[in-house]
Protein backbone atom coordinates (compact mmCIF):
# COMPACT_ATOMS: atom_id res chain seq x y z
CA UNK A 1 117.08 -69.61 71.61
CA UNK A 2 120.53 -71.05 72.49
CA UNK A 3 122.37 -68.66 70.12
CA UNK A 4 120.76 -65.82 71.84
CA UNK A 5 121.44 -67.06 75.45
CA UNK A 6 125.16 -67.37 74.43
CA UNK A 7 125.54 -64.27 72.72
CA UNK A 8 124.00 -62.43 76.37
CA UNK A 9 126.36 -64.73 77.99
CA UNK A 10 129.39 -63.55 76.32
CA UNK A 11 128.13 -60.22 75.82
CA UNK A 12 128.15 -59.99 79.85
CA UNK A 13 132.05 -61.06 80.23
CA UNK A 14 133.29 -58.34 77.73
CA UNK A 15 134.03 -55.78 80.42
CA UNK A 16 136.05 -58.58 82.20
CA UNK A 17 137.89 -59.43 79.38
CA UNK A 18 138.80 -55.79 78.47
CA UNK A 19 140.10 -55.38 82.28
CA UNK A 20 141.93 -58.66 81.58
CA UNK A 21 143.31 -57.67 78.21
CA UNK A 22 144.34 -54.27 79.28
CA UNK A 23 146.60 -55.68 82.27
CA UNK A 24 148.23 -57.83 79.94
CA UNK A 25 148.94 -54.97 77.50
CA UNK A 26 150.19 -52.95 80.35
CA UNK A 27 152.61 -55.80 81.41
CA UNK A 28 153.69 -55.88 78.02
CA UNK A 29 154.54 -52.31 77.93
CA UNK A 30 156.19 -52.31 81.17
CA UNK A 31 158.53 -54.89 80.05
CA UNK A 32 159.41 -53.23 76.67
CA UNK A 33 160.15 -50.33 78.91
CA UNK A 34 162.69 -52.25 80.90
CA UNK A 35 160.83 -52.99 84.05
CA UNK A 36 161.85 -56.00 85.80
CA UNK A 37 159.64 -59.48 86.15
CA UNK A 38 158.87 -60.29 89.58
CA UNK A 39 158.61 -64.34 89.93
CA UNK A 40 155.44 -65.58 91.83
CA UNK A 41 156.40 -67.54 94.69
CA UNK A 42 154.73 -70.74 95.25
CA UNK A 43 154.27 -72.91 98.47
CA UNK A 44 155.91 -75.97 98.66
């Protein structure tokens, strides 16, 4: 029973993981093409 639940849980996260991994791949492709990196400014 637990294994089936976990499988369903992970399956429901796949679309979000795909979007995240695609965003990361797009970021790396941009760096490779010469895009500049924009630093994240944090509040003090």
